[in-house]
Amino acid sequence: MLRNGLEPWHLLIVGIVVIVLFGSKKLPDTARAVGKSLRILKSETKAMKEDGEQGKVERSGESAERAEQPGER
């Protein structure tokens, strides 16, 4: 029934609807805003990954310290 969920003519119809709804004057501003949002999302994702890697390093360092001091708990 649904061999290909999205065919090229579907994209054409979506493009025409977007142009009709937003108009050609607002499309560059909208594209700029979407681009800026994607850049912010990318930078935040990168920061979260870096924080996660630092947390793993810190946790592995703490577990090594605990292994050296077995009598203290």
N, C-alpha and C. Protein backbone atom coordinates (compact mmCIF):
# COMPACT_ATOMS: atom_id res chain seq x y z
N MET A 1 0.82 -1.19 0.00
CA MET A 1 0.00 0.00 0.00
C MET A 1 0.87 1.26 0.00
N LEU A 2 1.78 1.37 0.94
CA LEU A 2 2.66 2.54 1.00
C LEU A 2 4.10 2.10 0.69
N ARG A 3 4.39 1.93 -0.57
CA ARG A 3 5.75 1.55 -0.95
C ARG A 3 6.73 2.65 -0.58
N ASN A 4 6.50 3.80 -1.11
CA ASN A 4 7.34 4.96 -0.82
C ASN A 4 6.47 6.00 -0.13
N GLY A 5 6.78 6.26 1.14
CA GLY A 5 5.96 7.18 1.90
C GLY A 5 6.02 8.61 1.40
N LEU A 6 7.16 9.01 0.85
CA LEU A 6 7.32 10.39 0.41
C LEU A 6 7.97 10.39 -0.98
N GLU A 7 7.19 10.74 -1.96
CA GLU A 7 7.69 10.77 -3.33
C GLU A 7 7.98 12.22 -3.72
N PRO A 8 8.72 12.42 -4.81
CA PRO A 8 9.11 13.79 -5.20
C PRO A 8 7.94 14.75 -5.39
N TRP A 9 6.83 14.28 -5.90
CA TRP A 9 5.72 15.21 -6.11
C TRP A 9 5.10 15.63 -4.79
N HIS A 10 5.26 14.82 -3.72
CA HIS A 10 4.81 15.24 -2.39
C HIS A 10 5.61 16.45 -1.92
N LEU A 11 6.93 16.39 -2.14
CA LEU A 11 7.79 17.51 -1.75
C LEU A 11 7.46 18.78 -2.54
N LEU A 12 7.11 18.62 -3.79
CA LEU A 12 6.72 19.76 -4.61
C LEU A 12 5.45 20.41 -4.05
N ILE A 13 4.48 19.61 -3.69
CA ILE A 13 3.23 20.14 -3.12
C ILE A 13 3.50 20.85 -1.80
N VAL A 14 4.34 20.25 -0.95
CA VAL A 14 4.67 20.88 0.33
C VAL A 14 5.37 22.21 0.09
N GLY A 15 6.29 22.26 -0.87
CA GLY A 15 6.98 23.51 -1.19
C GLY A 15 6.03 24.59 -1.65
N ILE A 16 5.08 24.24 -2.51
CA ILE A 16 4.10 25.21 -3.00
C ILE A 16 3.23 25.72 -1.86
N VAL A 17 2.81 24.83 -0.98
CA VAL A 17 1.98 25.24 0.17
C VAL A 17 2.75 26.19 1.07
N VAL A 18 4.03 25.91 1.32
CA VAL A 18 4.84 26.79 2.17
C VAL A 18 4.97 28.17 1.54
N ILE A 19 5.21 28.22 0.24
CA ILE A 19 5.34 29.52 -0.44
C ILE A 19 4.02 30.30 -0.38
N VAL A 20 2.91 29.60 -0.57
CA VAL A 20 1.60 30.27 -0.52
C VAL A 20 1.30 30.78 0.88
N LEU A 21 1.60 29.96 1.90
CA LEU A 21 1.29 30.36 3.28
C LEU A 21 2.18 31.50 3.77
N PHE A 22 3.47 31.42 3.54
CA PHE A 22 4.38 32.41 4.10
C PHE A 22 4.71 33.54 3.15
N GLY A 23 4.55 33.33 1.89
CA GLY A 23 4.90 34.37 0.93
C GLY A 23 6.39 34.41 0.68
N SER A 24 6.78 34.90 -0.46
CA SER A 24 8.19 34.89 -0.82
C SER A 24 9.02 35.90 -0.03
N LYS A 25 8.39 36.91 0.56
CA LYS A 25 9.13 37.92 1.32
C LYS A 25 9.54 37.40 2.69
N LYS A 26 8.74 36.55 3.30
CA LYS A 26 9.05 36.06 4.64
C LYS A 26 9.94 34.83 4.64
N LEU A 27 10.07 34.16 3.51
CA LEU A 27 10.87 32.93 3.47
C LEU A 27 12.34 33.14 3.83
N PRO A 28 13.03 34.17 3.36
CA PRO A 28 14.44 34.34 3.77
C PRO A 28 14.58 34.57 5.27
N ASP A 29 13.68 35.35 5.86
CA ASP A 29 13.74 35.57 7.31
C ASP A 29 13.48 34.28 8.07
N THR A 30 12.53 33.50 7.58
CA THR A 30 12.23 32.23 8.23
C THR A 30 13.41 31.28 8.11
N ALA A 31 14.02 31.21 6.95
CA ALA A 31 15.19 30.35 6.76
C ALA A 31 16.34 30.79 7.65
N ARG A 32 16.54 32.08 7.80
CA ARG A 32 17.59 32.60 8.67
C ARG A 32 17.33 32.21 10.12
N ALA A 33 16.09 32.32 10.56
CA ALA A 33 15.74 31.96 11.93
C ALA A 33 15.92 30.46 12.17
N VAL A 34 15.54 29.65 11.21
CA VAL A 34 15.72 28.20 11.34
C VAL A 34 17.20 27.86 11.40
N GLY A 35 18.01 28.49 10.57
CA GLY A 35 19.45 28.26 10.58
C GLY A 35 20.08 28.64 11.91
N LYS A 36 19.66 29.77 12.45
CA LYS A 36 20.18 30.20 13.75
C LYS A 36 19.78 29.22 14.85
N SER A 37 18.55 28.75 14.81
CA SER A 37 18.09 27.78 15.79
C SER A 37 18.87 26.47 15.69
N LEU A 38 19.16 26.04 14.48
CA LEU A 38 19.92 24.81 14.30
C LEU A 38 21.36 24.97 14.79
N ARG A 39 21.96 26.14 14.59
CA ARG A 39 23.31 26.38 15.10
C ARG A 39 23.32 26.34 16.62
N ILE A 40 22.32 26.94 17.25
CA ILE A 40 22.22 26.93 18.71
C ILE A 40 22.04 25.51 19.21
N LEU A 41 21.17 24.75 18.56
CA LEU A 41 20.95 23.37 18.95
C LEU A 41 22.24 22.55 18.83
N LYS A 42 22.97 22.76 17.75
CA LYS A 42 24.22 22.02 17.53
C LYS A 42 25.24 22.36 18.61
N SER A 43 25.37 23.63 18.94
CA SER A 43 26.35 24.02 19.96
C SER A 43 25.96 23.49 21.35
N GLU A 44 24.68 23.50 21.66
CA GLU A 44 24.22 22.97 22.94
C GLU A 44 24.43 21.46 23.03
N THR A 45 24.18 20.76 21.93
CA THR A 45 24.40 19.32 21.90
C THR A 45 25.86 18.99 22.09
N LYS A 46 26.73 19.76 21.44
CA LYS A 46 28.17 19.56 21.57
C LYS A 46 28.61 19.81 23.02
N ALA A 47 28.07 20.85 23.64
CA ALA A 47 28.41 21.15 25.03
C ALA A 47 27.95 20.03 25.97
N MET A 48 26.77 19.49 25.71
CA MET A 48 26.27 18.39 26.55
C MET A 48 27.16 17.16 26.41
N LYS A 49 27.60 16.85 25.18
CA LYS A 49 28.49 15.71 24.97
C LYS A 49 29.81 15.91 25.71
N GLU A 50 30.36 17.12 25.64
CA GLU A 50 31.62 17.41 26.33
C GLU A 50 31.45 17.30 27.83
N ASP A 51 30.33 17.78 28.37
CA ASP A 51 30.07 17.66 29.80
C ASP A 51 29.95 16.20 30.21
N GLY A 52 29.31 15.40 29.37
CA GLY A 52 29.16 13.98 29.66
C GLY A 52 30.49 13.26 29.66
N GLU A 53 31.38 13.61 28.73
CA GLU A 53 32.70 12.98 28.69
C GLU A 53 33.53 13.40 29.90
N GLN A 54 33.41 14.65 30.33
CA GLN A 54 34.15 15.09 31.51
C GLN A 54 33.63 14.39 32.75
N GLY A 55 32.32 14.16 32.81
CA GLY A 55 31.74 13.46 33.95
C GLY A 55 32.22 12.03 34.03
N LYS A 56 32.36 11.37 32.88
CA LYS A 56 32.87 9.99 32.87
C LYS A 56 34.30 9.95 33.37
N VAL A 57 35.12 10.91 32.96
CA VAL A 57 36.51 10.94 33.38
C VAL A 57 36.59 11.19 34.88
N GLU A 58 35.79 12.11 35.38
CA GLU A 58 35.80 12.42 36.81
C GLU A 58 35.31 11.22 37.62
N ARG A 59 34.25 10.54 37.14
CA ARG A 59 33.74 9.38 37.87
C ARG A 59 34.74 8.25 37.87
N SER A 60 35.45 8.03 36.77
CA SER A 60 36.44 6.96 36.74
C SER A 60 37.60 7.29 37.67
N GLY A 61 37.95 8.56 37.81
CA GLY A 61 38.99 8.97 38.75
C GLY A 61 38.56 8.76 40.19
N GLU A 62 37.31 9.02 40.51
CA GLU A 62 36.79 8.81 41.85
C GLU A 62 36.76 7.33 42.19
N SER A 63 36.37 6.48 41.25
CA SER A 63 36.31 5.05 41.52
C SER A 63 37.71 4.49 41.72
N ALA A 64 38.71 5.04 41.03
CA ALA A 64 40.09 4.60 41.23
C ALA A 64 40.56 4.98 42.63
N GLU A 65 40.19 6.17 43.09
CA GLU A 65 40.56 6.60 44.44
C GLU A 65 39.90 5.71 45.49
N ARG A 66 38.68 5.34 45.29
CA ARG A 66 37.97 4.47 46.23
C ARG A 66 38.59 3.09 46.26
N ALA A 67 39.04 2.61 45.12
CA ALA A 67 39.67 1.29 45.06
C ALA A 67 40.99 1.28 45.82
N GLU A 68 41.69 2.41 45.88
CA GLU A 68 42.95 2.48 46.59
C GLU A 68 42.73 2.53 48.10
N GLN A 69 41.56 2.97 48.55
CA GLN A 69 41.26 3.10 49.97
C GLN A 69 40.14 2.17 50.36
N PRO A 70 40.36 0.85 50.43
CA PRO A 70 39.27 -0.08 50.69
C PRO A 70 38.75 -0.05 52.12
N GLY A 71 39.56 0.37 53.08
CA GLY A 71 39.14 0.34 54.48
C GLY A 71 38.21 1.47 54.88
N GLU A 72 38.15 2.52 54.13
CA GLU A 72 37.35 3.69 54.48
C GLU A 72 36.02 3.64 53.76
N ARG A 73 34.93 3.59 54.48
CA ARG A 73 33.58 3.69 53.92
C ARG A 73 32.63 4.18 54.93
